[in-house]
Amino acid sequence: MLEEKKAYILVIFSKEWSMLLKAPRCKCAEDEALGVKHFCYLNEARKDEKDEKIRELTAELQRERKRSAAFQEQLDMVLRDMEDHSHHLSRNIDDMVQSVREIESKRLALSHS
């Protein structure tokens, strides 16, 4: 099966932009009264706000990671204690089973004699 090769022609579309691109105007009555065109650089302020928010979120993330690590450590300790206790119970049960076997073997030995 042969694939057809397709050719694409790119047509450049251009539209004239009629609006001026400039920073938003600050509403400073004093400057305007003096005839001074004052432009605020809101993007810089927003950028600073975003940077601050990123710093806050990064700090919060670090705190939560430390909390998570502390919880993980506590969980690991509990699980180790449970495992140790489980091994201890298993040894006790093995000892009891061995004792019961010894008692039964002595009882059988006494009953045969």
PDB file of N, CA and C in Angstrom:
ATOM      1  N   MET A   1       0.835  -1.161   0.000  1.00  0.00           N
ATOM      2  CA  MET A   1       0.000   0.000   0.000  1.00  0.00           C
ATOM      3  C   MET A   1       0.894   1.242   0.000  1.00  0.00           C
ATOM      4  N   LEU A   2       0.686   2.084  -0.935  1.00  0.00           N
ATOM      5  CA  LEU A   2       1.489   3.292  -1.066  1.00  0.00           C
ATOM      6  C   LEU A   2       0.784   4.453  -0.386  1.00  0.00           C
ATOM      7  N   GLU A   3       1.570   5.222   0.317  1.00  0.00           N
ATOM      8  CA  GLU A   3       1.010   6.412   0.950  1.00  0.00           C
ATOM      9  C   GLU A   3       1.145   7.586   0.004  1.00  0.00           C
ATOM     10  N   GLU A   4       0.098   8.368  -0.041  1.00  0.00           N
ATOM     11  CA  GLU A   4       0.172   9.564  -0.867  1.00  0.00           C
ATOM     12  C   GLU A   4       0.928  10.637  -0.110  1.00  0.00           C
ATOM     13  N   LYS A   5       1.787  11.321  -0.798  1.00  0.00           N
ATOM     14  CA  LYS A   5       2.505  12.423  -0.178  1.00  0.00           C
ATOM     15  C   LYS A   5       1.711  13.687  -0.440  1.00  0.00           C
ATOM     16  N   LYS A   6       1.468  14.413   0.647  1.00  0.00           N
ATOM     17  CA  LYS A   6       0.686  15.628   0.519  1.00  0.00           C
ATOM     18  C   LYS A   6       1.590  16.820   0.738  1.00  0.00           C
ATOM     19  N   ALA A   7       1.359  17.844  -0.003  1.00  0.00           N
ATOM     20  CA  ALA A   7       2.128  19.075   0.147  1.00  0.00           C
ATOM     21  C   ALA A   7       1.211  20.130   0.745  1.00  0.00           C
ATOM     22  N   TYR A   8       1.740  20.854   1.691  1.00  0.00           N
ATOM     23  CA  TYR A   8       0.977  21.920   2.312  1.00  0.00           C
ATOM     24  C   TYR A   8       1.591  23.250   1.915  1.00  0.00           C
ATOM     25  N   ILE A   9       0.743  24.161   1.578  1.00  0.00           N
ATOM     26  CA  ILE A   9       1.209  25.497   1.224  1.00  0.00           C
ATOM     27  C   ILE A   9       0.821  26.426   2.359  1.00  0.00           C
ATOM     28  N   LEU A  10       1.793  27.127   2.881  1.00  0.00           N
ATOM     29  CA  LEU A  10       1.560  28.052   3.972  1.00  0.00           C
ATOM     30  C   LEU A  10       1.321  29.433   3.393  1.00  0.00           C
ATOM     31  N   VAL A  11       0.181  29.968   3.736  1.00  0.00           N
ATOM     32  CA  VAL A  11      -0.158  31.303   3.264  1.00  0.00           C
ATOM     33  C   VAL A  11      -0.008  32.244   4.443  1.00  0.00           C
ATOM     34  N   ILE A  12       0.756  33.276   4.278  1.00  0.00           N
ATOM     35  CA  ILE A  12       0.975  34.233   5.357  1.00  0.00           C
ATOM     36  C   ILE A  12      -0.212  35.173   5.415  1.00  0.00           C
ATOM     37  N   PHE A  13      -0.797  35.248   6.599  1.00  0.00           N
ATOM     38  CA  PHE A  13      -1.938  36.118   6.813  1.00  0.00           C
ATOM     39  C   PHE A  13      -1.481  37.273   7.683  1.00  0.00           C
ATOM     40  N   SER A  14      -1.700  38.435   7.224  1.00  0.00           N
ATOM     41  CA  SER A  14      -1.253  39.615   7.947  1.00  0.00           C
ATOM     42  C   SER A  14      -2.442  40.542   8.120  1.00  0.00           C
ATOM     43  N   LYS A  15      -2.602  41.056   9.335  1.00  0.00           N
ATOM     44  CA  LYS A  15      -3.682  41.998   9.597  1.00  0.00           C
ATOM     45  C   LYS A  15      -3.071  43.197  10.291  1.00  0.00           C
ATOM     46  N   GLU A  16      -3.494  44.334   9.915  1.00  0.00           N
ATOM     47  CA  GLU A  16      -2.958  45.553  10.493  1.00  0.00           C
ATOM     48  C   GLU A  16      -3.532  45.736  11.890  1.00  0.00           C
ATOM     49  N   TRP A  17      -2.666  46.039  12.831  1.00  0.00           N
ATOM     50  CA  TRP A  17      -3.085  46.261  14.220  1.00  0.00           C
ATOM     51  C   TRP A  17      -3.290  47.750  14.418  1.00  0.00           C
ATOM     52  N   SER A  18      -4.474  48.110  14.854  1.00  0.00           N
ATOM     53  CA  SER A  18      -4.783  49.533  14.940  1.00  0.00           C
ATOM     54  C   SER A  18      -4.614  50.106  16.345  1.00  0.00           C
ATOM     55  N   MET A  19      -4.471  49.255  17.346  1.00  0.00           N
ATOM     56  CA  MET A  19      -4.362  49.745  18.720  1.00  0.00           C
ATOM     57  C   MET A  19      -2.898  49.875  19.120  1.00  0.00           C
ATOM     58  N   LEU A  20      -2.602  50.917  19.885  1.00  0.00           N
ATOM     59  CA  LEU A  20      -1.248  51.089  20.405  1.00  0.00           C
ATOM     60  C   LEU A  20      -1.041  50.168  21.590  1.00  0.00           C
ATOM     61  N   LEU A  21       0.128  49.592  21.681  1.00  0.00           N
ATOM     62  CA  LEU A  21       0.460  48.738  22.810  1.00  0.00           C
ATOM     63  C   LEU A  21       1.278  49.555  23.791  1.00  0.00           C
ATOM     64  N   LYS A  22       0.735  49.786  24.964  1.00  0.00           N
ATOM     65  CA  LYS A  22       1.463  50.538  25.982  1.00  0.00           C
ATOM     66  C   LYS A  22       1.000  50.093  27.359  1.00  0.00           C
ATOM     67  N   ALA A  23       1.781  50.451  28.355  1.00  0.00           N
ATOM     68  CA  ALA A  23       1.445  50.085  29.731  1.00  0.00           C
ATOM     69  C   ALA A  23       0.164  50.797  30.139  1.00  0.00           C
ATOM     70  N   PRO A  24      -0.642  50.185  31.001  1.00  0.00           N
ATOM     71  CA  PRO A  24      -1.872  50.836  31.448  1.00  0.00           C
ATOM     72  C   PRO A  24      -1.567  52.121  32.206  1.00  0.00           C
ATOM     73  N   ARG A  25      -2.436  53.082  32.058  1.00  0.00           N
ATOM     74  CA  ARG A  25      -2.236  54.384  32.696  1.00  0.00           C
ATOM     75  C   ARG A  25      -2.562  54.324  34.166  1.00  0.00           C
ATOM     76  N   CYS A  26      -1.776  55.021  34.916  1.00  0.00           N
ATOM     77  CA  CYS A  26      -2.003  55.147  36.348  1.00  0.00           C
ATOM     78  C   CYS A  26      -2.953  56.319  36.567  1.00  0.00           C
ATOM     79  N   LYS A  27      -3.844  56.198  37.493  1.00  0.00           N
ATOM     80  CA  LYS A  27      -4.820  57.256  37.768  1.00  0.00           C
ATOM     81  C   LYS A  27      -4.269  58.221  38.813  1.00  0.00           C
ATOM     82  N   CYS A  28      -3.237  58.920  38.473  1.00  0.00           N
ATOM     83  CA  CYS A  28      -2.644  59.897  39.391  1.00  0.00           C
ATOM     84  C   CYS A  28      -3.143  61.282  39.013  1.00  0.00           C
ATOM     85  N   ALA A  29      -4.075  61.798  39.767  1.00  0.00           N
ATOM     86  CA  ALA A  29      -4.692  63.092  39.452  1.00  0.00           C
ATOM     87  C   ALA A  29      -3.674  64.224  39.473  1.00  0.00           C
ATOM     88  N   GLU A  30      -2.745  64.164  40.416  1.00  0.00           N
ATOM     89  CA  GLU A  30      -1.749  65.239  40.522  1.00  0.00           C
ATOM     90  C   GLU A  30      -0.884  65.306  39.274  1.00  0.00           C
ATOM     91  N   ASP A  31      -0.404  64.160  38.819  1.00  0.00           N
ATOM     92  CA  ASP A  31       0.440  64.131  37.631  1.00  0.00           C
ATOM     93  C   ASP A  31      -0.341  64.588  36.405  1.00  0.00           C
ATOM     94  N   GLU A  32      -1.589  64.118  36.310  1.00  0.00           N
ATOM     95  CA  GLU A  32      -2.399  64.502  35.163  1.00  0.00           C
ATOM     96  C   GLU A  32      -2.696  65.993  35.186  1.00  0.00           C
ATOM     97  N   ALA A  33      -2.906  66.537  36.392  1.00  0.00           N
ATOM     98  CA  ALA A  33      -3.175  67.976  36.508  1.00  0.00           C
ATOM     99  C   ALA A  33      -1.974  68.781  36.038  1.00  0.00           C
ATOM    100  N   LEU A  34      -0.781  68.240  36.249  1.00  0.00           N
ATOM    101  CA  LEU A  34       0.434  68.928  35.815  1.00  0.00           C
ATOM    102  C   LEU A  34       0.742  68.663  34.341  1.00  0.00           C
ATOM    103  N   GLY A  35      -0.067  67.827  33.739  1.00  0.00           N
ATOM    104  CA  GLY A  35       0.156  67.508  32.334  1.00  0.00           C
ATOM    105  C   GLY A  35       1.192  66.422  32.123  1.00  0.00           C
ATOM    106  N   VAL A  36       1.582  65.734  33.200  1.00  0.00           N
ATOM    107  CA  VAL A  36       2.580  64.662  33.100  1.00  0.00           C
ATOM    108  C   VAL A  36       1.857  63.352  32.810  1.00  0.00           C
ATOM    109  N   LYS A  37       2.304  62.694  31.784  1.00  0.00           N
ATOM    110  CA  LYS A  37       1.735  61.380  31.473  1.00  0.00           C
ATOM    111  C   LYS A  37       2.498  60.345  32.297  1.00  0.00           C
ATOM    112  N   HIS A  38       1.828  59.803  33.286  1.00  0.00           N
ATOM    113  CA  HIS A  38       2.467  58.874  34.218  1.00  0.00           C
ATOM    114  C   HIS A  38       1.962  57.465  33.918  1.00  0.00           C
ATOM    115  N   PHE A  39       2.876  56.566  33.624  1.00  0.00           N
ATOM    116  CA  PHE A  39       2.502  55.185  33.351  1.00  0.00           C
ATOM    117  C   PHE A  39       3.040  54.281  34.451  1.00  0.00           C
ATOM    118  N   CYS A  40       2.183  53.468  34.991  1.00  0.00           N
ATOM    119  CA  CYS A  40       2.610  52.490  36.000  1.00  0.00           C
ATOM    120  C   CYS A  40       3.062  51.221  35.286  1.00  0.00           C
ATOM    121  N   TYR A  41       4.041  50.635  35.827  1.00  0.00           N
ATOM    122  CA  TYR A  41       4.479  49.355  35.285  1.00  0.00           C
ATOM    123  C   TYR A  41       3.875  48.256  36.143  1.00  0.00           C
ATOM    124  N   LEU A  42       2.589  48.011  35.862  1.00  0.00           N
ATOM    125  CA  LEU A  42       1.852  47.021  36.639  1.00  0.00           C
ATOM    126  C   LEU A  42       2.424  45.628  36.449  1.00  0.00           C
ATOM    127  N   ASN A  43       2.987  45.388  35.279  1.00  0.00           N
ATOM    128  CA  ASN A  43       3.562  44.063  35.042  1.00  0.00           C
ATOM    129  C   ASN A  43       4.679  43.766  36.034  1.00  0.00           C
ATOM    130  N   GLU A  44       5.498  44.769  36.358  1.00  0.00           N
ATOM    131  CA  GLU A  44       6.571  44.559  37.331  1.00  0.00           C
ATOM    132  C   GLU A  44       5.992  44.240  38.699  1.00  0.00           C
ATOM    133  N   ALA A  45       4.942  44.982  39.082  1.00  0.00           N
ATOM    134  CA  ALA A  45       4.305  44.729  40.378  1.00  0.00           C
ATOM    135  C   ALA A  45       3.701  43.336  40.403  1.00  0.00           C
ATOM    136  N   ARG A  46       3.051  42.969  39.314  1.00  0.00           N
ATOM    137  CA  ARG A  46       2.449  41.629  39.245  1.00  0.00           C
ATOM    138  C   ARG A  46       3.535  40.561  39.276  1.00  0.00           C
ATOM    139  N   LYS A  47       4.642  40.847  38.594  1.00  0.00           N
ATOM    140  CA  LYS A  47       5.751  39.896  38.590  1.00  0.00           C
ATOM    141  C   LYS A  47       6.298  39.723  40.007  1.00  0.00           C
ATOM    142  N   ASP A  48       6.452  40.842  40.734  1.00  0.00           N
ATOM    143  CA  ASP A  48       6.919  40.768  42.117  1.00  0.00           C
ATOM    144  C   ASP A  48       5.941  39.988  42.983  1.00  0.00           C
ATOM    145  N   GLU A  49       4.636  40.216  42.765  1.00  0.00           N
ATOM    146  CA  GLU A  49       3.615  39.481  43.519  1.00  0.00           C
ATOM    147  C   GLU A  49       3.709  37.989  43.221  1.00  0.00           C
ATOM    148  N   LYS A  50       3.894  37.660  41.953  1.00  0.00           N
ATOM    149  CA  LYS A  50       4.008  36.246  41.574  1.00  0.00           C
ATOM    150  C   LYS A  50       5.258  35.626  42.186  1.00  0.00           C
ATOM    151  N   ASP A  51       6.374  36.365  42.151  1.00  0.00           N
ATOM    152  CA  ASP A  51       7.608  35.861  42.759  1.00  0.00           C
ATOM    153  C   ASP A  51       7.413  35.629  44.249  1.00  0.00           C
ATOM    154  N   GLU A  52       6.745  36.561  44.913  1.00  0.00           N
ATOM    155  CA  GLU A  52       6.478  36.419  46.353  1.00  0.00           C
ATOM    156  C   GLU A  52       5.599  35.200  46.609  1.00  0.00           C
ATOM    157  N   LYS A  53       4.579  35.013  45.775  1.00  0.00           N
ATOM    158  CA  LYS A  53       3.684  33.862  45.922  1.00  0.00           C
ATOM    159  C   LYS A  53       4.466  32.567  45.709  1.00  0.00           C
ATOM    160  N   ILE A  54       5.359  32.569  44.736  1.00  0.00           N
ATOM    161  CA  ILE A  54       6.192  31.381  44.487  1.00  0.00           C
ATOM    162  C   ILE A  54       7.066  31.099  45.700  1.00  0.00           C
ATOM    163  N   ARG A  55       7.654  32.148  46.288  1.00  0.00           N
ATOM    164  CA  ARG A  55       8.484  31.959  47.490  1.00  0.00           C
ATOM    165  C   ARG A  55       7.646  31.403  48.641  1.00  0.00           C
ATOM    166  N   GLU A  56       6.431  31.950  48.818  1.00  0.00           N
ATOM    167  CA  GLU A  56       5.557  31.466  49.892  1.00  0.00           C
ATOM    168  C   GLU A  56       5.192  30.003  49.678  1.00  0.00           C
ATOM    169  N   LEU A  57       4.821  29.667  48.457  1.00  0.00           N
ATOM    170  CA  LEU A  57       4.435  28.287  48.163  1.00  0.00           C
ATOM    171  C   LEU A  57       5.617  27.332  48.285  1.00  0.00           C
ATOM    172  N   THR A  58       6.806  27.790  47.899  1.00  0.00           N
ATOM    173  CA  THR A  58       8.007  26.963  48.037  1.00  0.00           C
ATOM    174  C   THR A  58       8.305  26.705  49.509  1.00  0.00           C
ATOM    175  N   ALA A  59       8.178  27.747  50.333  1.00  0.00           N
ATOM    176  CA  ALA A  59       8.405  27.586  51.775  1.00  0.00           C
ATOM    177  C   ALA A  59       7.374  26.635  52.369  1.00  0.00           C
ATOM    178  N   GLU A  60       6.114  26.776  51.944  1.00  0.00           N
ATOM    179  CA  GLU A  60       5.064  25.885  52.442  1.00  0.00           C
ATOM    180  C   GLU A  60       5.336  24.448  52.013  1.00  0.00           C
ATOM    181  N   LEU A  61       5.784  24.267  50.783  1.00  0.00           N
ATOM    182  CA  LEU A  61       6.118  22.930  50.291  1.00  0.00           C
ATOM    183  C   LEU A  61       7.238  22.313  51.118  1.00  0.00           C
ATOM    184  N   GLN A  62       8.261  23.095  51.441  1.00  0.00           N
ATOM    185  CA  GLN A  62       9.364  22.595  52.269  1.00  0.00           C
ATOM    186  C   GLN A  62       8.864  22.197  53.657  1.00  0.00           C
ATOM    187  N   ARG A  63       7.988  23.040  54.246  1.00  0.00           N
ATOM    188  CA  ARG A  63       7.425  22.687  55.562  1.00  0.00           C
ATOM    189  C   ARG A  63       6.633  21.389  55.492  1.00  0.00           C
ATOM    190  N   GLU A  64       5.822  21.248  54.449  1.00  0.00           N
ATOM    191  CA  GLU A  64       5.008  20.041  54.311  1.00  0.00           C
ATOM    192  C   GLU A  64       5.872  18.813  54.050  1.00  0.00           C
ATOM    193  N   ARG A  65       6.971  18.982  53.326  1.00  0.00           N
ATOM    194  CA  ARG A  65       7.882  17.850  53.106  1.00  0.00           C
ATOM    195  C   ARG A  65       8.527  17.419  54.418  1.00  0.00           C
ATOM    196  N   LYS A  66       8.897  18.397  55.261  1.00  0.00           N
ATOM    197  CA  LYS A  66       9.470  18.063  56.571  1.00  0.00           C
ATOM    198  C   LYS A  66       8.438  17.348  57.430  1.00  0.00           C
ATOM    199  N   ARG A  67       7.193  17.859  57.401  1.00  0.00           N
ATOM    200  CA  ARG A  67       6.117  17.203  58.154  1.00  0.00           C
ATOM    201  C   ARG A  67       5.907  15.778  57.666  1.00  0.00           C
ATOM    202  N   SER A  68       5.899  15.628  56.351  1.00  0.00           N
ATOM    203  CA  SER A  68       5.713  14.308  55.755  1.00  0.00           C
ATOM    204  C   SER A  68       6.844  13.368  56.156  1.00  0.00           C
ATOM    205  N   ALA A  69       8.070  13.874  56.167  1.00  0.00           N
ATOM    206  CA  ALA A  69       9.219  13.054  56.569  1.00  0.00           C
ATOM    207  C   ALA A  69       9.094  12.638  58.033  1.00  0.00           C
ATOM    208  N   ALA A  70       8.624  13.558  58.888  1.00  0.00           N
ATOM    209  CA  ALA A  70       8.445  13.230  60.305  1.00  0.00           C
ATOM    210  C   ALA A  70       7.366  12.159  60.466  1.00  0.00           C
ATOM    211  N   PHE A  71       6.253  12.303  59.722  1.00  0.00           N
ATOM    212  CA  PHE A  71       5.194  11.294  59.783  1.00  0.00           C
ATOM    213  C   PHE A  71       5.697   9.951  59.276  1.00  0.00           C
ATOM    214  N   GLN A  72       6.485   9.979  58.207  1.00  0.00           N
ATOM    215  CA  GLN A  72       7.028   8.739  57.654  1.00  0.00           C
ATOM    216  C   GLN A  72       7.937   8.055  58.667  1.00  0.00           C
ATOM    217  N   GLU A  73       8.750   8.843  59.361  1.00  0.00           N
ATOM    218  CA  GLU A  73       9.644   8.293  60.380  1.00  0.00           C
ATOM    219  C   GLU A  73       8.841   7.658  61.514  1.00  0.00           C
ATOM    220  N   GLN A  74       7.779   8.345  61.955  1.00  0.00           N
ATOM    221  CA  GLN A  74       6.935   7.790  63.015  1.00  0.00           C
ATOM    222  C   GLN A  74       6.261   6.509  62.549  1.00  0.00           C
ATOM    223  N   LEU A  75       5.766   6.511  61.318  1.00  0.00           N
ATOM    224  CA  LEU A  75       5.123   5.319  60.774  1.00  0.00           C
ATOM    225  C   LEU A  75       6.111   4.159  60.695  1.00  0.00           C
ATOM    226  N   ASP A  76       7.332   4.438  60.248  1.00  0.00           N
ATOM    227  CA  ASP A  76       8.361   3.393  60.182  1.00  0.00           C
ATOM    228  C   ASP A  76       8.653   2.820  61.565  1.00  0.00           C
ATOM    229  N   MET A  77       8.709   3.692  62.588  1.00  0.00           N
ATOM    230  CA  MET A  77       8.955   3.214  63.958  1.00  0.00           C
ATOM    231  C   MET A  77       7.816   2.313  64.426  1.00  0.00           C
ATOM    232  N   VAL A  78       6.576   2.723  64.162  1.00  0.00           N
ATOM    233  CA  VAL A  78       5.420   1.914  64.565  1.00  0.00           C
ATOM    234  C   VAL A  78       5.455   0.565  63.857  1.00  0.00           C
ATOM    235  N   LEU A  79       5.747   0.576  62.568  1.00  0.00           N
ATOM    236  CA  LEU A  79       5.796  -0.686  61.819  1.00  0.00           C
ATOM    237  C   LEU A  79       6.921  -1.593  62.312  1.00  0.00           C
ATOM    238  N   ARG A  80       8.084  -1.004  62.651  1.00  0.00           N
ATOM    239  CA  ARG A  80       9.183  -1.811  63.209  1.00  0.00           C
ATOM    240  C   ARG A  80       8.766  -2.418  64.549  1.00  0.00           C
ATOM    241  N   ASP A  81       8.119  -1.607  65.397  1.00  0.00           N
ATOM    242  CA  ASP A  81       7.654  -2.122  66.688  1.00  0.00           C
ATOM    243  C   ASP A  81       6.646  -3.250  66.494  1.00  0.00           C
ATOM    244  N   MET A  82       5.743  -3.082  65.532  1.00  0.00           N
ATOM    245  CA  MET A  82       4.756  -4.135  65.264  1.00  0.00           C
ATOM    246  C   MET A  82       5.440  -5.408  64.778  1.00  0.00           C
ATOM    247  N   GLU A  83       6.434  -5.252  63.920  1.00  0.00           N
ATOM    248  CA  GLU A  83       7.158  -6.419  63.414  1.00  0.00           C
ATOM    249  C   GLU A  83       7.917  -7.116  64.546  1.00  0.00           C
ATOM    250  N   ASP A  84       8.575  -6.337  65.403  1.00  0.00           N
ATOM    251  CA  ASP A  84       9.280  -6.918  66.555  1.00  0.00           C
ATOM    252  C   ASP A  84       8.306  -7.658  67.463  1.00  0.00           C
ATOM    253  N   HIS A  85       7.151  -7.038  67.703  1.00  0.00           N
ATOM    254  CA  HIS A  85       6.148  -7.666  68.563  1.00  0.00           C
ATOM    255  C   HIS A  85       5.626  -8.954  67.918  1.00  0.00           C
ATOM    256  N   SER A  86       5.432  -8.912  66.618  1.00  0.00           N
ATOM    257  CA  SER A  86       4.968 -10.098  65.894  1.00  0.00           C
ATOM    258  C   SER A  86       5.983 -11.236  66.012  1.00  0.00           C
ATOM    259  N   HIS A  87       7.276 -10.924  65.858  1.00  0.00           N
ATOM    260  CA  HIS A  87       8.314 -11.953  66.014  1.00  0.00           C
ATOM    261  C   HIS A  87       8.330 -12.488  67.448  1.00  0.00           C
ATOM    262  N   HIS A  88       8.172 -11.601  68.413  1.00  0.00           N
ATOM    263  CA  HIS A  88       8.141 -12.015  69.814  1.00  0.00           C
ATOM    264  C   HIS A  88       6.969 -12.972  70.061  1.00  0.00           C
ATOM    265  N   LEU A  89       5.788 -12.622  69.535  1.00  0.00           N
ATOM    266  CA  LEU A  89       4.622 -13.501  69.691  1.00  0.00           C
ATOM    267  C   LEU A  89       4.851 -14.842  69.000  1.00  0.00           C
ATOM    268  N   SER A  90       5.460 -14.804  67.827  1.00  0.00           N
ATOM    269  CA  SER A  90       5.736 -16.057  67.108  1.00  0.00           C
ATOM    270  C   SER A  90       6.665 -16.956  67.915  1.00  0.00           C
ATOM    271  N   ARG A  91       7.707 -16.370  68.522  1.00  0.00           N
ATOM    272  CA  ARG A  91       8.618 -17.174  69.353  1.00  0.00           C
ATOM    273  C   ARG A  91       7.877 -17.754  70.561  1.00  0.00           C
ATOM    274  N   ASN A  92       7.022 -16.929  71.186  1.00  0.00           N
ATOM    275  CA  ASN A  92       6.258 -17.426  72.337  1.00  0.00           C
ATOM    276  C   ASN A  92       5.340 -18.571  71.931  1.00  0.00           C
ATOM    277  N   ILE A  93       4.690 -18.434  70.789  1.00  0.00           N
ATOM    278  CA  ILE A  93       3.796 -19.499  70.321  1.00  0.00           C
ATOM    279  C   ILE A  93       4.600 -20.754  70.014  1.00  0.00           C
ATOM    280  N   ASP A  94       5.756 -20.589  69.361  1.00  0.00           N
ATOM    281  CA  ASP A  94       6.612 -21.750  69.084  1.00  0.00           C
ATOM    282  C   ASP A  94       7.038 -22.436  70.386  1.00  0.00           C
ATOM    283  N   ASP A  95       7.390 -21.633  71.397  1.00  0.00           N
ATOM    284  CA  ASP A  95       7.774 -22.199  72.696  1.00  0.00           C
ATOM    285  C   ASP A  95       6.605 -22.953  73.325  1.00  0.00           C
ATOM    286  N   MET A  96       5.394 -22.396  73.233  1.00  0.00           N
ATOM    287  CA  MET A  96       4.214 -23.065  73.803  1.00  0.00           C
ATOM    288  C   MET A  96       3.924 -24.372  73.082  1.00  0.00           C
ATOM    289  N   VAL A  97       4.024 -24.338  71.751  1.00  0.00           N
ATOM    290  CA  VAL A  97       3.787 -25.556  70.972  1.00  0.00           C
ATOM    291  C   VAL A  97       4.811 -26.616  71.363  1.00  0.00           C
ATOM    292  N   GLN A  98       6.061 -26.211  71.514  1.00  0.00           N
ATOM    293  CA  GLN A  98       7.106 -27.151  71.921  1.00  0.00           C
ATOM    294  C   GLN A  98       6.811 -27.717  73.311  1.00  0.00           C
ATOM    295  N   SER A  99       6.365 -26.865  74.224  1.00  0.00           N
ATOM    296  CA  SER A  99       6.035 -27.329  75.581  1.00  0.00           C
ATOM    297  C   SER A  99       4.885 -28.321  75.551  1.00  0.00           C
ATOM    298  N   VAL A 100       3.865 -28.035  74.758  1.00  0.00           N
ATOM    299  CA  VAL A 100       2.717 -28.949  74.650  1.00  0.00           C
ATOM    300  C   VAL A 100       3.179 -30.282  74.081  1.00  0.00           C
ATOM    301  N   ARG A 101       4.038 -30.275  73.087  1.00  0.00           N
ATOM    302  CA  ARG A 101       4.549 -31.522  72.508  1.00  0.00           C
ATOM    303  C   ARG A 101       5.333 -32.331  73.549  1.00  0.00           C
ATOM    304  N   GLU A 102       6.146 -31.621  74.341  1.00  0.00           N
ATOM    305  CA  GLU A 102       6.915 -32.315  75.384  1.00  0.00           C
ATOM    306  C   GLU A 102       5.975 -32.938  76.413  1.00  0.00           C
ATOM    307  N   ILE A 103       4.962 -32.184  76.813  1.00  0.00           N
ATOM    308  CA  ILE A 103       3.999 -32.714  77.797  1.00  0.00           C
ATOM    309  C   ILE A 103       3.272 -33.919  77.220  1.00  0.00           C
ATOM    310  N   GLU A 104       2.842 -33.836  75.963  1.00  0.00           N
ATOM    311  CA  GLU A 104       2.144 -34.963  75.338  1.00  0.00           C
ATOM    312  C   GLU A 104       3.060 -36.175  75.206  1.00  0.00           C
ATOM    313  N   SER A 105       4.322 -35.945  74.841  1.00  0.00           N
ATOM    314  CA  SER A 105       5.235 -37.083  74.700  1.00  0.00           C
ATOM    315  C   SER A 105       5.504 -37.729  76.057  1.00  0.00           C
ATOM    316  N   LYS A 106       5.607 -36.928  77.144  1.00  0.00           N
ATOM    317  CA  LYS A 106       5.790 -37.489  78.488  1.00  0.00           C
ATOM    318  C   LYS A 106       4.550 -38.263  78.906  1.00  0.00           C
ATOM    319  N   ARG A 107       3.372 -37.732  78.576  1.00  0.00           N
ATOM    320  CA  ARG A 107       2.123 -38.405  78.935  1.00  0.00           C
ATOM    321  C   ARG A 107       2.009 -39.732  78.194  1.00  0.00           C
ATOM    322  N   LEU A 108       2.384 -39.718  76.904  1.00  0.00           N
ATOM    323  CA  LEU A 108       2.348 -40.964  76.142  1.00  0.00           C
ATOM    324  C   LEU A 108       3.374 -41.963  76.676  1.00  0.00           C
ATOM    325  N   ALA A 109       4.544 -41.464  77.065  1.00  0.00           N
ATOM    326  CA  ALA A 109       5.576 -42.346  77.610  1.00  0.00           C
ATOM    327  C   ALA A 109       5.105 -42.950  78.926  1.00  0.00           C
ATOM    328  N   LEU A 110       4.432 -42.179  79.776  1.00  0.00           N
ATOM    329  CA  LEU A 110       3.921 -42.689  81.051  1.00  0.00           C
ATOM    330  C   LEU A 110       2.783 -43.675  80.839  1.00  0.00           C
ATOM    331  N   SER A 111       1.961 -43.421  79.836  1.00  0.00           N
ATOM    332  CA  SER A 111       0.829 -44.320  79.603  1.00  0.00           C
ATOM    333  C   SER A 111       1.288 -45.648  78.999  1.00  0.00           C
ATOM    334  N   HIS A 112       2.420 -45.697  78.312  1.00  0.00           N
ATOM    335  CA  HIS A 112       2.943 -46.930  77.727  1.00  0.00           C
ATOM    336  C   HIS A 112       3.734 -47.745  78.746  1.00  0.00           C
ATOM    337  N   SER A 113       4.128 -47.144  79.803  1.00  0.00           N
ATOM    338  CA  SER A 113       4.933 -47.889  80.751  1.00  0.00           C
ATOM    339  C   SER A 113       4.128 -48.569  81.801  1.00  0.00           C
TER     340      SER A 113
END
